[in-house]
Each structure stands twice: as structure tokens, then as C-alpha cells.
N, C-alpha and C. Protein backbone atom coordinates (compact mmCIF):
# COMPACT_ATOMS: atom_id res chain seq x y z
N MET A 1 70.64 97.13 96.72
CA MET A 1 70.54 98.40 96.18
C MET A 1 71.00 99.60 96.97
N VAL A 2 72.02 100.71 96.11
CA VAL A 2 72.58 101.72 97.04
C VAL A 2 71.69 103.05 97.16
N GLU A 3 71.55 103.22 98.46
CA GLU A 3 70.74 104.30 98.61
C GLU A 3 71.35 105.60 97.87
N ASP A 4 70.25 106.59 97.61
CA ASP A 4 70.94 107.65 96.85
C ASP A 4 71.55 108.76 97.62
N SER A 5 71.75 108.77 98.76
CA SER A 5 72.71 109.43 99.50
C SER A 5 73.91 108.94 99.75
N GLN A 6 74.06 107.77 99.11
CA GLN A 6 75.46 107.28 99.23
C GLN A 6 75.87 107.10 97.85
N GLN A 7 75.02 107.55 97.07
CA GLN A 7 75.43 107.61 95.44
C GLN A 7 76.56 108.67 95.36
N GLY A 8 76.61 109.92 95.89
CA GLY A 8 77.68 110.81 95.77
C GLY A 8 79.02 110.24 95.82
N VAL A 9 79.18 109.51 96.90
CA VAL A 9 80.68 108.83 97.13
C VAL A 9 80.76 107.41 96.26
N LEU A 10 79.89 107.12 96.00
CA LEU A 10 80.15 105.70 94.94
C LEU A 10 80.61 105.86 93.33
N ILE A 11 80.38 107.16 92.80
CA ILE A 11 79.80 107.65 91.46
C ILE A 11 81.71 107.39 91.27
N SER A 12 81.60 106.96 90.05
CA SER A 12 83.36 106.97 89.49
C SER A 12 84.12 107.92 89.49
N GLY A 13 85.21 107.70 89.56
CA GLY A 13 86.22 108.61 89.67
C GLY A 13 86.17 109.89 88.58
N GLU A 14 86.19 109.27 87.17
CA GLU A 14 86.33 110.00 86.22
C GLU A 14 84.98 110.93 86.07
N GLU A 15 83.79 110.65 86.76
CA GLU A 15 82.49 111.45 87.04
C GLU A 15 82.94 112.65 87.84
N ASN A 16 83.40 111.95 88.98
CA ASN A 16 83.89 112.99 89.96
C ASN A 16 84.97 114.11 89.44
N VAL A 17 85.92 113.84 88.71
CA VAL A 17 86.89 114.95 88.38
C VAL A 17 86.07 115.61 87.37
N ALA A 18 85.14 115.41 86.60
CA ALA A 18 84.17 116.02 85.70
C ALA A 18 83.59 117.14 86.54
N VAL A 19 82.79 116.70 87.70
CA VAL A 19 81.90 117.46 88.30
C VAL A 19 83.19 118.24 89.22
N ARG A 20 84.39 117.76 89.94
CA ARG A 20 84.83 118.52 90.32
C ARG A 20 85.71 119.76 89.86
N ILE A 21 86.05 119.40 88.27
CA ILE A 21 86.82 120.62 87.46
C ILE A 21 85.54 122.01 87.17
N LYS A 22 84.11 121.43 86.96
CA LYS A 22 83.18 122.31 87.15
C LYS A 22 83.09 123.09 88.36
N LEU A 23 83.20 122.06 89.61
CA LEU A 23 82.96 123.32 90.91
C LEU A 23 84.05 124.25 91.16
N GLU A 24 85.58 123.67 90.42
CA GLU A 24 86.75 124.23 91.17
C GLU A 24 86.63 125.83 89.85
N ARG A 25 86.32 125.77 88.58
CA ARG A 25 86.43 126.66 88.04
C ARG A 25 85.57 127.68 88.30
N GLU A 26 84.19 127.21 88.56
CA GLU A 26 83.39 128.07 88.81
C GLU A 26 83.57 128.60 90.08
N ALA A 27 83.68 128.37 91.32
CA ALA A 27 84.44 128.82 92.34
C ALA A 27 85.55 130.07 92.48
N ARG A 28 86.15 129.66 91.29
CA ARG A 28 86.92 130.61 91.33
C ARG A 28 86.57 131.97 90.30
N GLY A 29 85.40 131.75 89.71
CA GLY A 29 85.25 132.72 88.56
C GLY A 29 85.69 132.17 87.23
N TRP A 30 86.17 131.42 87.01
CA TRP A 30 86.76 131.23 85.58
C TRP A 30 85.93 130.63 84.53
N SER A 31 86.29 131.30 83.00
CA SER A 31 85.57 130.61 82.29
C SER A 31 85.93 129.59 81.68
N THR A 32 85.69 129.04 80.82
CA THR A 32 86.58 127.46 80.41
C THR A 32 87.51 128.01 79.62
N ASN A 33 87.41 129.43 78.89
CA ASN A 33 88.75 130.28 78.19
C ASN A 33 89.95 130.14 79.34
N SER A 34 89.46 131.20 80.50
CA SER A 34 90.66 131.12 81.27
C SER A 34 90.86 130.17 82.06
N LEU A 35 90.43 128.97 82.04
CA LEU A 35 91.23 127.58 82.55
C LEU A 35 92.18 126.84 81.70
N SER A 36 91.33 127.07 80.42
CA SER A 36 92.46 126.49 79.21
C SER A 36 93.66 127.33 79.52
N ASP A 37 93.49 128.71 79.66
CA ASP A 37 94.85 129.56 79.29
C ASP A 37 95.80 129.10 80.40
N ARG A 38 95.37 128.96 81.81
CA ARG A 38 96.06 128.57 82.89
C ARG A 38 96.74 127.28 82.46
N LEU A 39 95.88 126.37 81.91
CA LEU A 39 96.62 124.77 82.07
C LEU A 39 97.75 125.15 81.10
N ASN A 40 97.69 125.93 79.73
CA ASN A 40 98.35 125.85 78.89
C ASN A 40 100.32 126.74 79.30
N GLU A 41 99.56 127.50 80.06
CA GLU A 41 100.54 128.37 80.84
C GLU A 41 101.20 127.25 81.54
N ALA A 42 100.85 126.18 82.24
CA ALA A 42 101.45 125.72 83.42
C ALA A 42 101.82 124.32 82.61
N GLY A 43 101.43 124.36 81.00
CA GLY A 43 102.42 123.06 80.47
C GLY A 43 101.49 122.23 79.96
N PHE A 44 100.00 122.34 80.21
CA PHE A 44 99.30 121.16 80.09
C PHE A 44 98.51 121.60 78.92
N ASP A 45 99.06 120.96 77.58
CA ASP A 45 97.89 121.34 76.51
C ASP A 45 96.33 121.10 76.48
N MET A 46 95.61 122.22 76.43
CA MET A 46 94.31 122.32 76.54
C MET A 46 93.34 123.43 75.99
N ASN A 47 92.66 122.83 75.34
CA ASN A 47 91.60 124.56 74.44
C ASN A 47 90.22 124.43 75.22
N PRO A 48 89.77 125.18 75.16
CA PRO A 48 88.55 125.70 75.97
C PRO A 48 87.35 124.73 75.41
N SER A 49 87.47 124.00 74.28
CA SER A 49 86.47 123.14 74.13
C SER A 49 86.42 121.77 74.93
N ALA A 50 87.87 121.39 75.14
CA ALA A 50 88.01 120.41 75.89
C ALA A 50 87.62 120.07 77.23
N VAL A 51 88.30 121.43 77.78
CA VAL A 51 87.38 121.86 79.05
C VAL A 51 86.20 121.81 79.32
N TRP A 52 85.36 122.08 78.39
CA TRP A 52 83.68 122.04 78.28
C TRP A 52 83.44 121.01 78.30
N ARG A 53 84.31 119.89 77.30
CA ARG A 53 83.34 118.34 76.94
C ARG A 53 83.76 117.45 78.26
N ILE A 54 84.95 117.68 78.92
CA ILE A 54 85.38 117.28 79.85
C ILE A 54 84.24 117.41 81.04
N GLU A 55 84.25 118.78 81.41
CA GLU A 55 83.38 119.13 82.61
C GLU A 55 81.99 118.55 82.27
N ASN A 56 81.79 118.16 80.88
CA ASN A 56 80.40 117.72 80.50
C ASN A 56 79.98 116.60 80.36
N ARG A 57 81.11 115.65 80.35
CA ARG A 57 81.11 114.21 80.04
C ARG A 57 80.84 113.79 78.98
N LYS A 58 81.51 114.76 77.94
CA LYS A 58 81.74 114.19 76.44
C LYS A 58 82.96 113.68 75.98
N ARG A 59 83.81 113.78 77.12
CA ARG A 59 85.19 113.68 76.77
C ARG A 59 85.79 112.91 77.82
N ARG A 60 86.50 112.04 77.63
CA ARG A 60 87.25 111.47 78.74
C ARG A 60 88.41 112.12 79.32
N ILE A 61 89.21 112.21 80.61
CA ILE A 61 90.21 112.89 80.58
C ILE A 61 91.11 111.79 81.14
N ASN A 62 92.38 112.41 80.61
CA ASN A 62 94.03 111.12 80.72
C ASN A 62 94.33 111.41 82.31
N VAL A 63 95.37 111.02 82.58
CA VAL A 63 95.96 111.12 83.89
C VAL A 63 96.93 112.61 84.16
N ASP A 64 97.32 112.62 82.79
CA ASP A 64 98.40 113.94 82.64
C ASP A 64 97.28 115.08 82.61
N GLU A 65 96.60 115.23 82.14
CA GLU A 65 95.28 116.39 82.27
C GLU A 65 94.78 116.21 83.59
N ALA A 66 94.40 115.32 84.23
CA ALA A 66 93.88 115.23 85.92
C ALA A 66 94.64 116.04 86.45
N ILE A 67 96.16 115.50 86.17
CA ILE A 67 97.59 116.30 86.97
C ILE A 67 97.56 117.55 86.69
N GLY A 68 97.21 118.28 85.54
CA GLY A 68 97.58 119.33 85.20
C GLY A 68 96.14 120.17 85.91
N PHE A 69 95.17 119.73 85.70
CA PHE A 69 93.59 120.23 86.61
C PHE A 69 94.19 120.85 88.04
N ALA A 70 94.50 119.52 88.64
CA ALA A 70 94.79 119.52 90.12
C ALA A 70 96.00 120.83 90.56
N GLU A 71 96.89 120.80 89.24
CA GLU A 71 98.03 121.77 89.87
C GLU A 71 97.09 123.04 89.64
N VAL A 72 96.82 123.22 88.50
CA VAL A 72 96.26 124.51 88.25
C VAL A 72 95.35 124.91 89.58
N PHE A 73 94.27 123.91 90.00
CA PHE A 73 93.78 124.66 90.66
C PHE A 73 94.07 124.42 92.68
N GLY A 74 95.47 123.87 92.47
CA GLY A 74 96.09 123.72 93.57
C GLY A 74 95.87 122.94 94.60
N ILE A 75 94.79 121.83 94.17
CA ILE A 75 94.73 120.86 95.18
C ILE A 75 95.16 119.40 94.83
N ASP A 76 95.18 118.57 95.92
CA ASP A 76 95.86 117.08 95.58
C ASP A 76 95.26 116.44 94.73
N LEU A 77 95.98 115.62 93.92
CA LEU A 77 94.91 114.91 92.89
C LEU A 77 94.05 113.83 93.20
N ARG A 78 94.03 113.45 94.62
CA ARG A 78 93.39 112.53 95.12
C ARG A 78 92.05 113.07 95.80
N ASN A 79 92.29 114.46 95.75
CA ASN A 79 90.93 115.25 96.18
C ASN A 79 90.21 115.53 94.56
N LEU A 80 90.65 115.57 93.80
CA LEU A 80 90.13 115.93 92.45
C LEU A 80 89.50 114.37 91.92
N VAL A 81 89.80 113.49 92.44
CA VAL A 81 88.54 112.50 92.01
C VAL A 81 87.78 111.97 93.25
N GLY A 82 88.27 112.35 94.18
CA GLY A 82 87.17 111.86 95.53
C GLY A 82 85.70 112.52 94.99
N SER A 83 84.92 112.21 96.01
CA SER A 83 83.04 112.66 95.90
C SER A 83 83.28 114.04 95.80
N PRO A 84 82.54 114.78 94.99
CA PRO A 84 82.58 116.13 94.80
C PRO A 84 81.52 116.56 96.11
N ASN A 85 80.86 115.75 96.60
CA ASN A 85 80.28 116.29 97.54
C ASN A 85 80.94 117.06 99.24
N LEU A 86 82.36 115.71 99.10
CA LEU A 86 83.36 116.14 100.28
C LEU A 86 84.21 116.95 99.65
N ALA A 87 84.42 116.99 98.40
CA ALA A 87 85.79 118.01 97.52
C ALA A 87 84.98 119.30 97.58
N ALA A 88 83.99 119.59 97.74
CA ALA A 88 83.28 121.05 97.73
C ALA A 88 83.79 121.36 99.27
N LYS A 89 84.05 120.59 100.11
CA LYS A 89 84.25 121.15 101.53
C LYS A 89 85.55 120.89 101.43
N ALA A 90 86.97 121.82 100.82
CA ALA A 90 88.38 121.42 101.22
C ALA A 90 88.53 121.16 102.43
N ARG A 91 88.53 121.60 103.17
CA ARG A 91 88.73 121.50 104.89
C ARG A 91 88.50 119.88 104.94
N ALA A 92 87.61 119.49 104.78
CA ALA A 92 87.10 118.16 105.19
C ALA A 92 87.77 116.90 103.92
N MET A 93 88.20 117.62 102.77
CA MET A 93 89.18 116.59 102.50
C MET A 93 90.64 116.34 103.01
N GLU A 94 90.79 117.93 103.61
CA GLU A 94 92.21 117.94 103.92
C GLU A 94 92.12 116.81 105.55
N LEU A 95 91.40 117.19 105.93
CA LEU A 95 91.41 115.98 107.31
C LEU A 95 90.97 114.78 107.07
N ILE A 96 90.40 114.50 106.23
CA ILE A 96 90.27 113.14 105.42
C ILE A 96 91.74 112.58 105.30
N ASP A 97 92.68 113.29 104.74
CA ASP A 97 93.97 113.08 103.78
C ASP A 97 94.78 112.59 105.11
N ALA A 98 94.40 113.74 106.14
CA ALA A 98 95.00 113.71 107.19
C ALA A 98 95.28 112.18 107.95
N VAL A 99 93.69 111.93 108.37
CA VAL A 99 93.14 110.50 109.34
C VAL A 99 94.04 109.36 108.13
N VAL A 100 93.48 109.37 106.96
CA VAL A 100 94.26 108.33 106.33
C VAL A 100 95.68 108.27 106.17
N ASP A 101 96.40 109.38 106.13
CA ASP A 101 97.90 109.05 106.10
C ASP A 101 98.18 108.91 107.73
N ALA A 102 97.76 109.58 108.75
CA ALA A 102 98.03 108.94 110.03
C ALA A 102 98.02 107.43 110.29
N PHE A 103 96.86 106.92 109.67
CA PHE A 103 96.48 105.44 109.73
C PHE A 103 97.92 104.83 109.32
N ARG A 104 97.91 105.26 107.98
CA ARG A 104 99.02 104.65 107.02
C ARG A 104 100.37 104.36 107.94
N GLN A 105 100.74 105.79 108.67
CA GLN A 105 101.78 105.73 109.32
C GLN A 105 101.60 104.53 110.38
N THR A 106 100.72 104.43 111.49
CA THR A 106 100.17 103.62 112.50
C THR A 106 100.53 102.55 111.99
N GLN A 107 99.97 101.83 110.98
CA GLN A 107 100.00 100.45 110.18
C GLN A 107 101.98 100.31 109.68
N ARG A 108 102.42 101.30 109.29
CA ARG A 108 103.72 101.33 109.19
C ARG A 108 104.78 100.81 110.75
N ALA A 109 104.49 101.40 111.57
CA ALA A 109 104.74 101.66 112.98
C ALA A 109 104.59 100.27 113.35
N SER A 110 103.51 100.11 113.40
CA SER A 110 103.11 98.63 114.20
C SER A 110 103.73 97.49 113.05
N ALA A 111 103.80 97.57 111.85
CA ALA A 111 104.85 96.51 111.32
C ALA A 111 106.42 96.52 111.68
N ALA A 112 106.95 97.88 111.91
CA ALA A 112 108.34 98.32 112.16
C ALA A 112 108.17 97.39 113.63
N PHE A 113 107.18 97.94 114.69
CA PHE A 113 107.51 97.15 115.89
C PHE A 113 107.55 95.60 116.32
N THR A 114 106.70 95.23 115.22
CA THR A 114 106.41 93.63 115.16
C THR A 114 107.74 93.08 114.63
N LYS A 115 108.35 93.68 113.72
CA LYS A 115 110.00 93.15 113.19
C LYS A 115 110.74 93.16 114.28
N ALA A 116 110.82 94.47 114.71
CA ALA A 116 111.86 94.56 115.64
C ALA A 116 111.79 94.01 117.04
N ARG A 117 110.44 93.51 117.65
CA ARG A 117 110.12 92.49 118.49
C ARG A 117 110.25 91.29 118.45
N VAL A 118 110.19 90.80 117.02
CA VAL A 118 110.10 89.62 116.75
C VAL A 118 112.22 89.26 116.71
N ALA A 119 112.57 90.46 116.14
CA ALA A 119 114.27 90.19 116.07
C ALA A 119 114.77 89.91 117.53
N LEU A 120 113.95 90.72 118.24
CA LEU A 120 114.54 90.84 119.89
C LEU A 120 114.47 89.13 120.42
N ASP A 121 113.12 88.94 119.98
CA ASP A 121 112.76 87.64 120.59
C ASP A 121 113.67 86.45 120.43
N ALA A 122 114.00 86.50 118.93
CA ALA A 122 114.81 85.38 118.35
C ALA A 122 116.54 85.91 119.16
N TYR A 123 116.90 86.76 119.04
CA TYR A 123 117.92 86.86 119.63
C TYR A 123 118.13 86.44 121.48
N LEU A 124 116.63 86.85 121.98
CA LEU A 124 116.70 86.58 123.37
C LEU A 124 116.67 84.89 123.69
N ALA A 125 116.20 84.39 122.35
CA ALA A 125 115.83 82.84 122.62
C ALA A 125 117.39 82.23 122.66
N GLU A 126 118.12 83.01 121.77
CA GLU A 126 119.77 82.15 122.26
C GLU A 126 120.82 82.76 123.29
N HIS A 127 119.93 83.57 123.72
CA HIS A 127 120.88 84.24 125.08
C HIS A 127 119.55 84.47 126.08
N PRO A 128 119.23 83.43 126.53
CA PRO A 128 118.37 83.29 127.91
C PRO A 128 119.01 83.94 129.24
N ASP A 129 119.99 84.03 129.14
CA ASP A 129 120.71 84.49 130.44
C ASP A 129 120.14 85.75 130.74
N ILE A 130 120.10 86.80 129.52
CA ILE A 130 119.82 87.99 129.75
C ILE A 130 118.29 88.44 129.36
N ARG A 131 117.44 87.56 128.92
CA ARG A 131 116.16 87.68 128.69
C ARG A 131 114.98 88.20 129.72
N GLU A 132 115.52 88.15 130.82
CA GLU A 132 115.03 88.88 132.04
C GLU A 132 115.23 90.52 131.83
N GLU A 133 116.60 90.56 132.08
CA GLU A 133 116.86 92.03 132.04
C GLU A 133 116.30 92.85 130.81
N ALA A 134 116.42 92.24 129.49
CA ALA A 134 116.47 92.72 128.36
C ALA A 134 114.74 93.21 128.58
N ASP A 135 113.76 92.13 128.95
CA ASP A 135 112.62 92.34 129.12
C ASP A 135 112.25 93.50 129.91
N VAL A 136 112.51 93.72 131.32
CA VAL A 136 112.50 95.13 131.95
C VAL A 136 113.01 96.01 131.16
N MET A 137 114.15 96.19 130.47
CA MET A 137 114.38 97.06 130.02
C MET A 137 113.37 97.80 129.17
N VAL A 138 112.64 96.88 127.95
CA VAL A 138 111.90 97.19 127.25
C VAL A 138 110.76 97.65 127.55
N SER A 139 110.09 96.95 128.68
CA SER A 139 109.14 97.47 129.44
C SER A 139 108.89 98.80 129.96
N ASN A 140 109.90 99.22 130.49
CA ASN A 140 110.38 100.39 131.06
C ASN A 140 110.39 101.37 130.15
N ALA A 141 111.15 101.12 129.14
CA ALA A 141 111.36 102.07 128.24
C ALA A 141 109.88 102.29 127.55
N ILE A 142 109.08 101.32 127.25
CA ILE A 142 107.91 101.43 126.51
C ILE A 142 106.96 102.24 127.58
N ALA A 143 106.91 102.31 129.00
CA ALA A 143 105.98 102.57 129.87
C ALA A 143 106.41 104.01 130.01
N GLN A 144 108.07 104.66 129.85
CA GLN A 144 108.43 105.83 130.04
C GLN A 144 107.97 106.80 128.60
N ALA A 145 107.94 105.97 127.49
CA ALA A 145 107.38 106.87 126.33
C ALA A 145 105.95 107.06 126.22
N ALA A 146 105.13 106.01 126.64
CA ALA A 146 103.87 106.08 126.64
C ALA A 146 103.53 107.69 127.36
N ASP A 147 104.00 107.42 128.81
CA ASP A 147 104.01 108.40 130.02
C ASP A 147 104.16 109.70 129.10
N SER A 148 105.46 109.86 128.56
CA SER A 148 105.84 111.12 127.89
C SER A 148 104.92 111.63 126.88
N HIS A 149 104.27 110.76 126.01
CA HIS A 149 103.24 110.99 125.13
C HIS A 149 102.23 111.79 125.33
N LEU A 150 101.78 110.89 126.63
CA LEU A 150 100.66 111.35 127.56
C LEU A 150 100.81 112.51 128.11
N LEU A 151 101.89 112.98 128.75
CA LEU A 151 101.92 114.35 129.51
C LEU A 151 102.22 115.36 128.08
N GLU A 152 102.64 115.21 126.80
CA GLU A 152 103.00 116.00 125.66
C GLU A 152 101.31 116.26 125.24
N ALA A 153 100.88 115.21 125.18
CA ALA A 153 99.26 115.16 124.69
C ALA A 153 98.46 115.78 125.41
N TYR A 154 98.31 115.27 126.49
CA TYR A 154 97.10 115.78 127.58
C TYR A 154 97.38 116.69 128.72
N GLY A 155 99.09 116.85 128.61
CA GLY A 155 99.52 117.87 129.84
C GLY A 155 99.24 116.81 131.03
N PRO A 156 99.82 117.18 132.34
CA PRO A 156 99.21 116.50 133.49
C PRO A 156 98.39 115.99 133.84
N ALA A 157 98.07 114.97 134.96
CA ALA A 157 96.80 114.46 135.25
C ALA A 157 96.44 115.51 136.58
N PRO A 158 95.44 115.64 136.44
CA PRO A 158 94.75 116.50 137.81
C PRO A 158 95.65 115.69 138.86
N GLY A 159 96.16 116.60 139.92
CA GLY A 159 96.96 116.25 141.21
C GLY A 159 98.52 115.91 140.53
N ASP A 160 98.84 115.53 139.50
CA ASP A 160 99.98 115.38 139.44
C ASP A 160 100.77 116.62 139.38
N HIS A 161 102.02 116.87 139.89
CA HIS A 161 103.26 117.57 139.87
C HIS A 161 104.64 117.32 139.69
N PRO A 162 104.87 117.20 138.60
CA PRO A 162 106.23 116.53 137.95
C PRO A 162 107.68 117.32 138.60
N ALA A 163 106.68 118.57 139.28
CA ALA A 163 108.53 119.24 139.80
C ALA A 163 108.46 118.47 141.47
N ASP A 164 107.15 117.95 142.22
CA ASP A 164 107.47 117.48 143.29
C ASP A 164 107.67 115.97 143.22
N GLY A 165 108.25 115.54 141.90
CA GLY A 165 108.50 113.96 142.08
C GLY A 165 107.51 112.79 142.08
N ASN A 166 106.40 113.39 142.04
CA ASN A 166 105.17 112.42 141.95
C ASN A 166 104.59 112.55 140.54
N GLY A 167 104.98 113.15 139.89
CA GLY A 167 104.07 113.12 138.46
C GLY A 167 104.53 111.85 137.67
N PRO A 168 103.97 111.57 136.10
CA PRO A 168 104.16 110.57 135.54
C PRO A 168 105.70 110.86 134.90
N SER A 169 106.37 111.50 135.11
CA SER A 169 107.52 111.57 134.52
C SER A 169 108.54 110.58 135.13
N GLY A 170 108.07 110.05 136.25
CA GLY A 170 108.93 108.86 136.68
C GLY A 170 110.01 109.47 137.61
N ASP A 171 110.11 110.58 137.94
CA ASP A 171 111.34 111.08 138.80
C ASP A 171 111.18 110.84 140.12
N ALA A 172 110.17 110.11 140.85
CA ALA A 172 110.22 109.87 141.85
C ALA A 172 111.22 108.55 142.56
């Protein structure tokens, strides 16, 4: 059985959209007429009665209409279909999107790294005379990139003074 506290996250996307449309409209102080006018001005044909019926789950919403609502509200379509509890906190949705996007970038980077490493290993298997030198170059380049990233992200470690050649920049 699903706990009530989780129910807000687990309700259907269409239910989320209906709740979110009403929340967004009311947060802006717009009537259903005003929202309908804005949708029509943006090129999405919608009468006030249809807005009311969607908000009250008397009418289903299609994808084109959802896109129109998201555009008029100035929000991402993913946020429109997300949990109303989280969606009401726009900053939380932005941060959640940032985390998910960063994760996807990490996955793509990991796949690219694996592909490049496999290609290098295959090449070095055919050229064993340069394997040791190539492995050292890769290790040094990765270590330098990691040091640079750490320095950029966190600053110098206590006691490190890059200017004197003893810091993480490898100037020693």
C-alpha cells in the first residue's frame, strides 16, 4: 500500500497537470477568461469553459494544450506534469531538473570515456611497444585534469601555495 505522504508524487501526470494549471492560474491572479485569452493570443485555441473543465478534471488535456499552458505560464513542460507539491516550489523543480540534467551529462561522459578507453586499448594491443608510454601519458593527463578541477571547484588545499611550486598545479 502506498503511504499518503507519497501519493502527491505518484498521482498521474494528467492529474498533476490539472492541479498545476489551477495553481499557476490562481498564483497569477488570473481568471479562467484571462488564461483563455492568453492561450488564444499565444496561438493555442482554448475557451474559458475548457480551462475550467481541465482544471476540474471534467476534460482531458492533449499534449498541444499542455505545451500551450506551459508556454503561457513560462514553465518547463516537465514541471507542468510533475508533482504539484514540488511544482508549487518552482526553485525545487529548477534544482531537480539541474540534478537530473547533470546526471544525464555524467552518464554521457562516462559512456564517451569508456568508448575512448576501449578504442585506445584496442590500438595499444596492436602496438604493445608504446603501451607503457601511452598509459603514463593518459594517467598524467587525467591526474592533471583532476587536480585542475579540484583547484577550480574548491580552491587550493590548506598549506598549498601554487606560486612556490608546491601546489597541486604540478609546478614542482
